All heavy atoms as atom14 arrays in JSON, in Angstrom:
{
  "sequence": "ADYPVERDLHLQGRGLLPVPYYPVDRTRAPDASLPSLPRLLGSTRAAL",
  "atom14_mask": [
    [1, 1, 1, 1, 1, 0, 0, 0, 0, 0, 0, 0, 0, 0],
    [1, 1, 1, 1, 1, 1, 1, 1, 0, 0, 0, 0, 0, 0],
    [1, 1, 1, 1, 1, 1, 1, 1, 1, 1, 1, 1, 0, 0],
    [1, 1, 1, 1, 1, 1, 1, 0, 0, 0, 0, 0, 0, 0],
    [1, 1, 1, 1, 1, 1, 1, 0, 0, 0, 0, 0, 0, 0],
    [1, 1, 1, 1, 1, 1, 1, 1, 1, 0, 0, 0, 0, 0],
    [1, 1, 1, 1, 1, 1, 1, 1, 1, 1, 1, 0, 0, 0],
    [1, 1, 1, 1, 1, 1, 1, 1, 0, 0, 0, 0, 0, 0],
    [1, 1, 1, 1, 1, 1, 1, 1, 0, 0, 0, 0, 0, 0],
    [1, 1, 1, 1, 1, 1, 1, 1, 1, 1, 0, 0, 0, 0],
    [1, 1, 1, 1, 1, 1, 1, 1, 0, 0, 0, 0, 0, 0],
    [1, 1, 1, 1, 1, 1, 1, 1, 1, 0, 0, 0, 0, 0],
    [1, 1, 1, 1, 0, 0, 0, 0, 0, 0, 0, 0, 0, 0],
    [1, 1, 1, 1, 1, 1, 1, 1, 1, 1, 1, 0, 0, 0],
    [1, 1, 1, 1, 0, 0, 0, 0, 0, 0, 0, 0, 0, 0],
    [1, 1, 1, 1, 1, 1, 1, 1, 0, 0, 0, 0, 0, 0],
    [1, 1, 1, 1, 1, 1, 1, 1, 0, 0, 0, 0, 0, 0],
    [1, 1, 1, 1, 1, 1, 1, 0, 0, 0, 0, 0, 0, 0],
    [1, 1, 1, 1, 1, 1, 1, 0, 0, 0, 0, 0, 0, 0],
    [1, 1, 1, 1, 1, 1, 1, 0, 0, 0, 0, 0, 0, 0],
    [1, 1, 1, 1, 1, 1, 1, 1, 1, 1, 1, 1, 0, 0],
    [1, 1, 1, 1, 1, 1, 1, 1, 1, 1, 1, 1, 0, 0],
    [1, 1, 1, 1, 1, 1, 1, 0, 0, 0, 0, 0, 0, 0],
    [1, 1, 1, 1, 1, 1, 1, 0, 0, 0, 0, 0, 0, 0],
    [1, 1, 1, 1, 1, 1, 1, 1, 0, 0, 0, 0, 0, 0],
    [1, 1, 1, 1, 1, 1, 1, 1, 1, 1, 1, 0, 0, 0],
    [1, 1, 1, 1, 1, 1, 1, 0, 0, 0, 0, 0, 0, 0],
    [1, 1, 1, 1, 1, 1, 1, 1, 1, 1, 1, 0, 0, 0],
    [1, 1, 1, 1, 1, 0, 0, 0, 0, 0, 0, 0, 0, 0],
    [1, 1, 1, 1, 1, 1, 1, 0, 0, 0, 0, 0, 0, 0],
    [1, 1, 1, 1, 1, 1, 1, 1, 0, 0, 0, 0, 0, 0],
    [1, 1, 1, 1, 1, 0, 0, 0, 0, 0, 0, 0, 0, 0],
    [1, 1, 1, 1, 1, 1, 0, 0, 0, 0, 0, 0, 0, 0],
    [1, 1, 1, 1, 1, 1, 1, 1, 0, 0, 0, 0, 0, 0],
    [1, 1, 1, 1, 1, 1, 1, 0, 0, 0, 0, 0, 0, 0],
    [1, 1, 1, 1, 1, 1, 0, 0, 0, 0, 0, 0, 0, 0],
    [1, 1, 1, 1, 1, 1, 1, 1, 0, 0, 0, 0, 0, 0],
    [1, 1, 1, 1, 1, 1, 1, 0, 0, 0, 0, 0, 0, 0],
    [1, 1, 1, 1, 1, 1, 1, 1, 1, 1, 1, 0, 0, 0],
    [1, 1, 1, 1, 1, 1, 1, 1, 0, 0, 0, 0, 0, 0],
    [1, 1, 1, 1, 1, 1, 1, 1, 0, 0, 0, 0, 0, 0],
    [1, 1, 1, 1, 0, 0, 0, 0, 0, 0, 0, 0, 0, 0],
    [1, 1, 1, 1, 1, 1, 0, 0, 0, 0, 0, 0, 0, 0],
    [1, 1, 1, 1, 1, 1, 1, 0, 0, 0, 0, 0, 0, 0],
    [1, 1, 1, 1, 1, 1, 1, 1, 1, 1, 1, 0, 0, 0],
    [1, 1, 1, 1, 1, 0, 0, 0, 0, 0, 0, 0, 0, 0],
    [1, 1, 1, 1, 1, 0, 0, 0, 0, 0, 0, 0, 0, 0],
    [1, 1, 1, 1, 1, 1, 1, 1, 0, 0, 0, 0, 0, 0]
  ],
  "atom14_positions": [
    [[0.85, -1.19, 0.0], [0.0, 0.0, 0.0], [0.88, 1.24, 0.0], [1.96, 1.24, 0.59], [-0.91, 0.0, 1.22], [0.0, 0.0, 0.0], [0.0, 0.0, 0.0], [0.0, 0.0, 0.0], [0.0, 0.0, 0.0], [0.0, 0.0, 0.0], [0.0, 0.0, 0.0], [0.0, 0.0, 0.0], [0.0, 0.0, 0.0], [0.0, 0.0, 0.0]],
    [[0.39, 2.29, -0.66], [1.09, 3.56, -0.65], [0.84, 4.22, 0.7], [-0.27, 4.6, 1.04], [0.56, 4.44, -1.78], [1.32, 5.74, -1.92], [2.47, 5.8, -1.46], [0.77, 6.69, -2.49], [0.0, 0.0, 0.0], [0.0, 0.0, 0.0], [0.0, 0.0, 0.0], [0.0, 0.0, 0.0], [0.0, 0.0, 0.0], [0.0, 0.0, 0.0]],
    [[1.89, 4.29, 1.51], [1.78, 4.81, 2.87], [3.06, 5.57, 3.17], [4.13, 5.19, 2.71], [1.6, 3.62, 3.84], [1.18, 4.02, 5.23], [-0.11, 4.47, 5.49], [2.08, 3.95, 6.29], [-0.5, 4.83, 6.76], [1.7, 4.32, 7.57], [0.4, 4.76, 7.8], [0.02, 5.13, 9.05], [0.0, 0.0, 0.0], [0.0, 0.0, 0.0]],
    [[2.98, 6.67, 3.94], [4.18, 7.49, 4.16], [5.3, 6.79, 4.94], [6.44, 7.21, 4.89], [3.67, 8.7, 4.93], [2.3, 8.41, 5.33], [1.8, 7.25, 4.55], [0.0, 0.0, 0.0], [0.0, 0.0, 0.0], [0.0, 0.0, 0.0], [0.0, 0.0, 0.0], [0.0, 0.0, 0.0], [0.0, 0.0, 0.0], [0.0, 0.0, 0.0]],
    [[4.98, 5.71, 5.64], [5.99, 5.01, 6.42], [6.07, 3.57, 5.93], [5.05, 2.9, 5.79], [5.62, 5.02, 7.93], [6.63, 4.23, 8.74], [5.5, 6.44, 8.44], [0.0, 0.0, 0.0], [0.0, 0.0, 0.0], [0.0, 0.0, 0.0], [0.0, 0.0, 0.0], [0.0, 0.0, 0.0], [0.0, 0.0, 0.0], [0.0, 0.0, 0.0]],
    [[7.27, 3.08, 5.67], [7.43, 1.69, 5.25], [7.55, 0.83, 6.49], [8.36, 1.1, 7.38], [8.69, 1.54, 4.39], [8.81, 0.15, 3.81], [9.98, 0.05, 2.85], [10.22, 1.01, 2.1], [10.64, -1.0, 2.88], [0.0, 0.0, 0.0], [0.0, 0.0, 0.0], [0.0, 0.0, 0.0], [0.0, 0.0, 0.0], [0.0, 0.0, 0.0]],
    [[6.71, -0.2, 6.56], [6.75, -1.07, 7.73], [6.16, -2.43, 7.39], [5.38, -2.56, 6.45], [6.02, -0.45, 8.9], [4.55, -0.19, 8.62], [3.88, 0.7, 9.6], [3.84, 0.15, 10.94], [3.19, 0.69, 11.93], [2.52, 1.79, 11.74], [3.19, 0.15, 13.11], [0.0, 0.0, 0.0], [0.0, 0.0, 0.0], [0.0, 0.0, 0.0]],
    [[6.53, -3.42, 8.16], [5.99, -4.77, 8.04], [5.0, -4.98, 9.18], [5.26, -4.61, 10.32], [7.1, -5.82, 8.14], [8.03, -5.79, 6.94], [7.57, -5.38, 5.85], [9.2, -6.17, 7.09], [0.0, 0.0, 0.0], [0.0, 0.0, 0.0], [0.0, 0.0, 0.0], [0.0, 0.0, 0.0], [0.0, 0.0, 0.0], [0.0, 0.0, 0.0]],
    [[3.88, -5.56, 8.85], [2.86, -5.85, 9.85], [2.69, -7.36, 9.91], [2.27, -7.98, 8.94], [1.53, -5.17, 9.49], [0.34, -5.45, 10.4], [0.62, -4.93, 11.8], [-0.9, -4.8, 9.84], [0.0, 0.0, 0.0], [0.0, 0.0, 0.0], [0.0, 0.0, 0.0], [0.0, 0.0, 0.0], [0.0, 0.0, 0.0], [0.0, 0.0, 0.0]],
    [[3.04, -7.96, 11.0], [2.93, -9.41, 11.19], [1.59, -9.7, 11.85], [1.36, -9.31, 12.99], [4.1, -9.92, 12.04], [5.43, -9.61, 11.42], [5.96, -10.38, 10.41], [6.3, -8.61, 11.64], [7.13, -9.86, 10.05], [7.36, -8.78, 10.78], [0.0, 0.0, 0.0], [0.0, 0.0, 0.0], [0.0, 0.0, 0.0], [0.0, 0.0, 0.0]],
    [[0.7, -10.35, 11.12], [-0.65, -10.59, 11.61], [-0.74, -11.72, 12.62], [-1.67, -11.76, 13.42], [-1.59, -10.88, 10.44], [-1.72, -9.73, 9.43], [-2.61, -10.14, 8.29], [-2.25, -8.49, 10.1], [0.0, 0.0, 0.0], [0.0, 0.0, 0.0], [0.0, 0.0, 0.0], [0.0, 0.0, 0.0], [0.0, 0.0, 0.0], [0.0, 0.0, 0.0]],
    [[0.18, -12.64, 12.59], [0.23, -13.76, 13.55], [-1.11, -14.47, 13.66], [-1.64, -14.7, 14.74], [0.71, -13.27, 14.92], [2.09, -12.66, 14.85], [2.5, -11.96, 16.12], [1.67, -11.64, 16.97], [3.79, -11.72, 16.26], [0.0, 0.0, 0.0], [0.0, 0.0, 0.0], [0.0, 0.0, 0.0], [0.0, 0.0, 0.0], [0.0, 0.0, 0.0]],
    [[-1.69, -14.78, 12.5], [-2.93, -15.53, 12.45], [-4.19, -14.7, 12.51], [-5.29, -15.21, 12.34], [0.0, 0.0, 0.0], [0.0, 0.0, 0.0], [0.0, 0.0, 0.0], [0.0, 0.0, 0.0], [0.0, 0.0, 0.0], [0.0, 0.0, 0.0], [0.0, 0.0, 0.0], [0.0, 0.0, 0.0], [0.0, 0.0, 0.0], [0.0, 0.0, 0.0]],
    [[-4.07, -13.41, 12.76], [-5.25, -12.54, 12.79], [-5.65, -12.17, 11.37], [-4.83, -12.15, 10.47], [-4.95, -11.26, 13.57], [-4.68, -11.5, 15.04], [-4.26, -10.23, 15.71], [-2.99, -9.82, 15.08], [-2.33, -8.71, 15.34], [-2.82, -7.86, 16.19], [-1.2, -8.44, 14.75], [0.0, 0.0, 0.0], [0.0, 0.0, 0.0], [0.0, 0.0, 0.0]],
    [[-6.91, -11.83, 11.18], [-7.39, -11.4, 9.88], [-7.06, -9.94, 9.62], [-6.65, -9.21, 10.52], [0.0, 0.0, 0.0], [0.0, 0.0, 0.0], [0.0, 0.0, 0.0], [0.0, 0.0, 0.0], [0.0, 0.0, 0.0], [0.0, 0.0, 0.0], [0.0, 0.0, 0.0], [0.0, 0.0, 0.0], [0.0, 0.0, 0.0], [0.0, 0.0, 0.0]],
    [[-7.23, -9.53, 8.4], [-6.97, -8.16, 8.0], [-8.2, -7.64, 7.27], [-8.67, -8.27, 6.32], [-5.74, -8.09, 7.09], [-5.37, -6.72, 6.55], [-4.91, -5.82, 7.7], [-4.25, -6.85, 5.53], [0.0, 0.0, 0.0], [0.0, 0.0, 0.0], [0.0, 0.0, 0.0], [0.0, 0.0, 0.0], [0.0, 0.0, 0.0], [0.0, 0.0, 0.0]],
    [[-8.73, -6.53, 7.71], [-9.89, -5.92, 7.08], [-9.45, -4.64, 6.39], [-9.24, -3.62, 7.05], [-10.98, -5.6, 8.12], [-12.22, -4.89, 7.58], [-12.96, -5.75, 6.57], [-13.13, -4.51, 8.74], [0.0, 0.0, 0.0], [0.0, 0.0, 0.0], [0.0, 0.0, 0.0], [0.0, 0.0, 0.0], [0.0, 0.0, 0.0], [0.0, 0.0, 0.0]],
    [[-9.26, -4.66, 5.06], [-8.87, -3.43, 4.36], [-10.03, -2.43, 4.35], [-11.17, -2.78, 4.1], [-8.55, -3.89, 2.93], [-8.6, -5.37, 2.96], [-9.32, -5.8, 4.18], [0.0, 0.0, 0.0], [0.0, 0.0, 0.0], [0.0, 0.0, 0.0], [0.0, 0.0, 0.0], [0.0, 0.0, 0.0], [0.0, 0.0, 0.0], [0.0, 0.0, 0.0]],
    [[-9.73, -1.18, 4.65], [-10.72, -0.11, 4.64], [-10.27, 0.92, 3.62], [-9.14, 1.42, 3.7], [-10.84, 0.54, 6.03], [-11.83, 1.69, 6.01], [-11.24, -0.5, 7.07], [0.0, 0.0, 0.0], [0.0, 0.0, 0.0], [0.0, 0.0, 0.0], [0.0, 0.0, 0.0], [0.0, 0.0, 0.0], [0.0, 0.0, 0.0], [0.0, 0.0, 0.0]],
    [[-11.11, 1.24, 2.64], [-10.69, 2.22, 1.63], [-10.49, 3.59, 2.26], [-11.17, 3.96, 3.22], [-11.83, 2.23, 0.62], [-12.99, 1.69, 1.36], [-12.46, 0.77, 2.43], [0.0, 0.0, 0.0], [0.0, 0.0, 0.0], [0.0, 0.0, 0.0], [0.0, 0.0, 0.0], [0.0, 0.0, 0.0], [0.0, 0.0, 0.0], [0.0, 0.0, 0.0]],
    [[-9.56, 4.34, 1.72], [-9.25, 5.67, 2.21], [-9.54, 6.66, 1.11], [-9.04, 6.53, 0.0], [-7.77, 5.75, 2.62], [-7.31, 7.14, 2.91], [-7.67, 7.79, 4.08], [-6.5, 7.82, 2.02], [-7.25, 9.07, 4.34], [-6.06, 9.1, 2.27], [-6.44, 9.72, 3.44], [-6.02, 10.99, 3.69], [0.0, 0.0, 0.0], [0.0, 0.0, 0.0]],
    [[-10.37, 7.63, 1.41], [-10.7, 8.68, 0.45], [-10.25, 10.0, 1.01], [-10.79, 10.47, 2.01], [-12.2, 8.71, 0.17], [-12.73, 7.4, -0.34], [-13.4, 6.51, 0.5], [-12.53, 7.03, -1.66], [-13.87, 5.31, 0.03], [-13.0, 5.82, -2.14], [-13.67, 4.97, -1.3], [-14.13, 3.77, -1.76], [0.0, 0.0, 0.0], [0.0, 0.0, 0.0]],
    [[-9.24, 10.66, 0.42], [-8.78, 11.94, 0.97], [-9.85, 13.01, 0.85], [-10.66, 13.0, -0.07], [-7.56, 12.27, 0.1], [-7.68, 11.43, -1.11], [-8.52, 10.23, -0.76], [0.0, 0.0, 0.0], [0.0, 0.0, 0.0], [0.0, 0.0, 0.0], [0.0, 0.0, 0.0], [0.0, 0.0, 0.0], [0.0, 0.0, 0.0], [0.0, 0.0, 0.0]],
    [[-9.85, 13.92, 1.8], [-10.81, 15.01, 1.82], [-10.3, 16.14, 0.93], [-9.14, 16.51, 1.0], [-10.99, 15.53, 3.27], [-11.9, 16.74, 3.31], [-11.51, 14.43, 4.15], [0.0, 0.0, 0.0], [0.0, 0.0, 0.0], [0.0, 0.0, 0.0], [0.0, 0.0, 0.0], [0.0, 0.0, 0.0], [0.0, 0.0, 0.0], [0.0, 0.0, 0.0]],
    [[-11.18, 16.67, 0.11], [-10.83, 17.81, -0.74], [-10.96, 19.08, 0.1], [-12.05, 19.54, 0.38], [-11.73, 17.88, -1.96], [-11.42, 19.04, -2.87], [-10.38, 19.71, -2.65], [-12.19, 19.29, -3.8], [0.0, 0.0, 0.0], [0.0, 0.0, 0.0], [0.0, 0.0, 0.0], [0.0, 0.0, 0.0], [0.0, 0.0, 0.0], [0.0, 0.0, 0.0]],
    [[-9.83, 19.65, 0.52], [-9.85, 20.84, 1.37], [-9.74, 22.13, 0.56], [-9.56, 23.19, 1.11], [-8.71, 20.77, 2.39], [-8.86, 19.61, 3.33], [-7.81, 19.66, 4.41], [-7.8, 18.48, 5.21], [-8.55, 18.28, 6.28], [-9.37, 19.2, 6.68], [-8.48, 17.16, 6.95], [0.0, 0.0, 0.0], [0.0, 0.0, 0.0], [0.0, 0.0, 0.0]],
    [[-9.83, 22.03, -0.75], [-9.7, 23.22, -1.57], [-11.03, 23.95, -1.73], [-11.04, 25.09, -2.14], [-9.15, 22.86, -2.97], [-10.05, 21.95, -3.6], [-7.77, 22.26, -2.85], [0.0, 0.0, 0.0], [0.0, 0.0, 0.0], [0.0, 0.0, 0.0], [0.0, 0.0, 0.0], [0.0, 0.0, 0.0], [0.0, 0.0, 0.0], [0.0, 0.0, 0.0]],
    [[-12.13, 23.29, -1.41], [-13.44, 23.91, -1.57], [-14.12, 24.03, -0.23], [-14.0, 23.18, 0.62], [-14.31, 23.05, -2.49], [-13.75, 22.94, -3.89], [-14.68, 22.18, -4.8], [-15.93, 22.9, -4.92], [-17.12, 22.3, -4.86], [-17.22, 21.03, -4.69], [-18.22, 23.01, -4.98], [0.0, 0.0, 0.0], [0.0, 0.0, 0.0], [0.0, 0.0, 0.0]],
    [[-14.85, 25.09, -0.07], [-15.64, 25.28, 1.15], [-17.03, 25.72, 0.72], [-17.2, 26.34, -0.32], [-15.0, 26.35, 2.03], [0.0, 0.0, 0.0], [0.0, 0.0, 0.0], [0.0, 0.0, 0.0], [0.0, 0.0, 0.0], [0.0, 0.0, 0.0], [0.0, 0.0, 0.0], [0.0, 0.0, 0.0], [0.0, 0.0, 0.0], [0.0, 0.0, 0.0]],
    [[-18.04, 25.41, 1.51], [-19.39, 25.81, 1.15], [-19.55, 27.32, 1.14], [-18.86, 28.02, 1.87], [-20.26, 25.16, 2.22], [-19.34, 24.82, 3.32], [-17.98, 24.67, 2.74], [0.0, 0.0, 0.0], [0.0, 0.0, 0.0], [0.0, 0.0, 0.0], [0.0, 0.0, 0.0], [0.0, 0.0, 0.0], [0.0, 0.0, 0.0], [0.0, 0.0, 0.0]],
    [[-20.45, 27.8, 0.33], [-20.75, 29.22, 0.25], [-21.51, 29.64, 1.51], [-22.57, 29.11, 1.8], [-21.59, 29.49, -1.0], [-21.88, 30.95, -1.21], [-21.49, 31.78, -0.36], [-22.48, 31.28, -2.24], [0.0, 0.0, 0.0], [0.0, 0.0, 0.0], [0.0, 0.0, 0.0], [0.0, 0.0, 0.0], [0.0, 0.0, 0.0], [0.0, 0.0, 0.0]],
    [[-20.94, 30.58, 2.25], [-21.54, 30.99, 3.52], [-22.82, 31.79, 3.32], [-23.55, 32.02, 4.26], [-20.55, 31.82, 4.32], [0.0, 0.0, 0.0], [0.0, 0.0, 0.0], [0.0, 0.0, 0.0], [0.0, 0.0, 0.0], [0.0, 0.0, 0.0], [0.0, 0.0, 0.0], [0.0, 0.0, 0.0], [0.0, 0.0, 0.0], [0.0, 0.0, 0.0]],
    [[-23.09, 32.23, 2.09], [-24.33, 32.96, 1.87], [-25.52, 32.01, 1.97], [-26.65, 32.45, 2.08], [-24.3, 33.64, 0.5], [-24.22, 32.67, -0.53], [0.0, 0.0, 0.0], [0.0, 0.0, 0.0], [0.0, 0.0, 0.0], [0.0, 0.0, 0.0], [0.0, 0.0, 0.0], [0.0, 0.0, 0.0], [0.0, 0.0, 0.0], [0.0, 0.0, 0.0]],
    [[-25.26, 30.71, 1.96], [-26.34, 29.76, 2.15], [-26.81, 29.79, 3.6], [-26.0, 29.94, 4.51], [-25.86, 28.35, 1.79], [-25.39, 28.14, 0.35], [-24.81, 26.75, 0.19], [-26.53, 28.36, -0.61], [0.0, 0.0, 0.0], [0.0, 0.0, 0.0], [0.0, 0.0, 0.0], [0.0, 0.0, 0.0], [0.0, 0.0, 0.0], [0.0, 0.0, 0.0]],
    [[-28.07, 29.63, 3.83], [-28.57, 29.67, 5.21], [-28.17, 28.47, 6.03], [-28.5, 28.38, 7.2], [-30.09, 29.75, 5.02], [-30.35, 29.16, 3.68], [-29.13, 29.47, 2.85], [0.0, 0.0, 0.0], [0.0, 0.0, 0.0], [0.0, 0.0, 0.0], [0.0, 0.0, 0.0], [0.0, 0.0, 0.0], [0.0, 0.0, 0.0], [0.0, 0.0, 0.0]],
    [[-27.41, 27.54, 5.46], [-27.05, 26.32, 6.18], [-25.87, 26.52, 7.14], [-25.65, 25.68, 7.99], [-26.72, 25.21, 5.19], [-25.63, 25.59, 4.38], [0.0, 0.0, 0.0], [0.0, 0.0, 0.0], [0.0, 0.0, 0.0], [0.0, 0.0, 0.0], [0.0, 0.0, 0.0], [0.0, 0.0, 0.0], [0.0, 0.0, 0.0], [0.0, 0.0, 0.0]],
    [[-25.12, 27.61, 7.02], [-23.97, 27.8, 7.92], [-24.39, 27.85, 9.39], [-23.79, 27.15, 10.2], [-23.17, 29.04, 7.53], [-21.86, 29.23, 8.27], [-20.92, 28.04, 8.04], [-21.18, 30.51, 7.86], [0.0, 0.0, 0.0], [0.0, 0.0, 0.0], [0.0, 0.0, 0.0], [0.0, 0.0, 0.0], [0.0, 0.0, 0.0], [0.0, 0.0, 0.0]],
    [[-25.4, 28.6, 9.77], [-25.83, 28.56, 11.18], [-26.32, 27.17, 11.59], [-26.14, 26.76, 12.73], [-26.95, 29.58, 11.26], [-26.67, 30.53, 10.15], [-26.09, 29.68, 9.05], [0.0, 0.0, 0.0], [0.0, 0.0, 0.0], [0.0, 0.0, 0.0], [0.0, 0.0, 0.0], [0.0, 0.0, 0.0], [0.0, 0.0, 0.0], [0.0, 0.0, 0.0]],
    [[-26.93, 26.43, 10.67], [-27.37, 25.07, 11.02], [-26.17, 24.16, 11.21], [-26.21, 23.25, 12.02], [-28.28, 24.52, 9.93], [-29.65, 25.16, 9.95], [-30.67, 24.41, 9.14], [-30.15, 23.67, 8.02], [-30.58, 23.76, 6.78], [-31.54, 24.6, 6.48], [-30.07, 23.02, 5.83], [0.0, 0.0, 0.0], [0.0, 0.0, 0.0], [0.0, 0.0, 0.0]],
    [[-25.11, 24.4, 10.45], [-23.91, 23.58, 10.56], [-23.15, 23.88, 11.85], [-22.8, 22.98, 12.6], [-22.99, 23.81, 9.36], [-21.62, 23.15, 9.41], [-21.78, 21.63, 9.31], [-20.76, 23.66, 8.27], [0.0, 0.0, 0.0], [0.0, 0.0, 0.0], [0.0, 0.0, 0.0], [0.0, 0.0, 0.0], [0.0, 0.0, 0.0], [0.0, 0.0, 0.0]],
    [[-22.91, 25.16, 12.1], [-22.09, 25.57, 13.25], [-22.9, 25.9, 14.49], [-22.36, 25.89, 15.59], [-21.26, 26.81, 12.89], [-20.25, 26.69, 11.76], [-19.59, 28.03, 11.51], [-19.23, 25.63, 12.07], [0.0, 0.0, 0.0], [0.0, 0.0, 0.0], [0.0, 0.0, 0.0], [0.0, 0.0, 0.0], [0.0, 0.0, 0.0], [0.0, 0.0, 0.0]],
    [[-24.14, 26.26, 14.31], [-24.94, 26.84, 15.38], [-24.94, 28.35, 15.18], [-23.96, 28.92, 14.67], [0.0, 0.0, 0.0], [0.0, 0.0, 0.0], [0.0, 0.0, 0.0], [0.0, 0.0, 0.0], [0.0, 0.0, 0.0], [0.0, 0.0, 0.0], [0.0, 0.0, 0.0], [0.0, 0.0, 0.0], [0.0, 0.0, 0.0], [0.0, 0.0, 0.0]],
    [[-26.01, 29.0, 15.55], [-26.14, 30.43, 15.26], [-25.09, 31.26, 15.98], [-24.55, 32.22, 15.41], [-27.54, 30.92, 15.6], [-27.82, 30.69, 16.97], [0.0, 0.0, 0.0], [0.0, 0.0, 0.0], [0.0, 0.0, 0.0], [0.0, 0.0, 0.0], [0.0, 0.0, 0.0], [0.0, 0.0, 0.0], [0.0, 0.0, 0.0], [0.0, 0.0, 0.0]],
    [[-24.76, 30.91, 17.22], [-23.76, 31.69, 17.97], [-22.38, 31.55, 17.35], [-21.68, 32.55, 17.13], [-23.73, 31.26, 19.44], [-25.04, 31.44, 20.0], [-22.73, 32.08, 20.23], [0.0, 0.0, 0.0], [0.0, 0.0, 0.0], [0.0, 0.0, 0.0], [0.0, 0.0, 0.0], [0.0, 0.0, 0.0], [0.0, 0.0, 0.0], [0.0, 0.0, 0.0]],
    [[-21.98, 30.33, 17.04], [-20.65, 30.12, 16.44], [-20.57, 30.76, 15.06], [-19.54, 31.34, 14.7], [-20.34, 28.63, 16.35], [-20.08, 28.04, 17.71], [-19.67, 26.58, 17.58], [-19.81, 25.96, 18.88], [-20.42, 24.8, 19.11], [-20.91, 24.11, 18.12], [-20.5, 24.33, 20.32], [0.0, 0.0, 0.0], [0.0, 0.0, 0.0], [0.0, 0.0, 0.0]],
    [[-21.62, 30.65, 14.27], [-21.62, 31.27, 12.95], [-21.48, 32.79, 13.07], [-20.73, 33.42, 12.33], [-22.89, 30.91, 12.18], [0.0, 0.0, 0.0], [0.0, 0.0, 0.0], [0.0, 0.0, 0.0], [0.0, 0.0, 0.0], [0.0, 0.0, 0.0], [0.0, 0.0, 0.0], [0.0, 0.0, 0.0], [0.0, 0.0, 0.0], [0.0, 0.0, 0.0]],
    [[-22.19, 33.39, 14.03], [-22.1, 34.83, 14.24], [-20.7, 35.23, 14.71], [-20.14, 36.23, 14.25], [-23.15, 35.28, 15.26], [0.0, 0.0, 0.0], [0.0, 0.0, 0.0], [0.0, 0.0, 0.0], [0.0, 0.0, 0.0], [0.0, 0.0, 0.0], [0.0, 0.0, 0.0], [0.0, 0.0, 0.0], [0.0, 0.0, 0.0], [0.0, 0.0, 0.0]],
    [[-20.12, 34.45, 15.61], [-18.76, 34.75, 16.09], [-17.74, 34.63, 14.97], [-16.84, 35.47, 14.85], [-18.39, 33.83, 17.25], [-19.08, 34.12, 18.57], [-18.83, 32.99, 19.56], [-18.6, 35.45, 19.13], [0.0, 0.0, 0.0], [0.0, 0.0, 0.0], [0.0, 0.0, 0.0], [0.0, 0.0, 0.0], [0.0, 0.0, 0.0], [0.0, 0.0, 0.0]]
  ]
}
């Protein structure tokens, strides 16, 4: 697997459950003009 650290994992008879990894796209943010920002953060946090 493409991973930042090279290592060996010895399972010693245990199973392995692969879980897919999907990176988060941090280049986009929702438009704050939408009324959903207070619902997301709460009205006080959105105002602050």
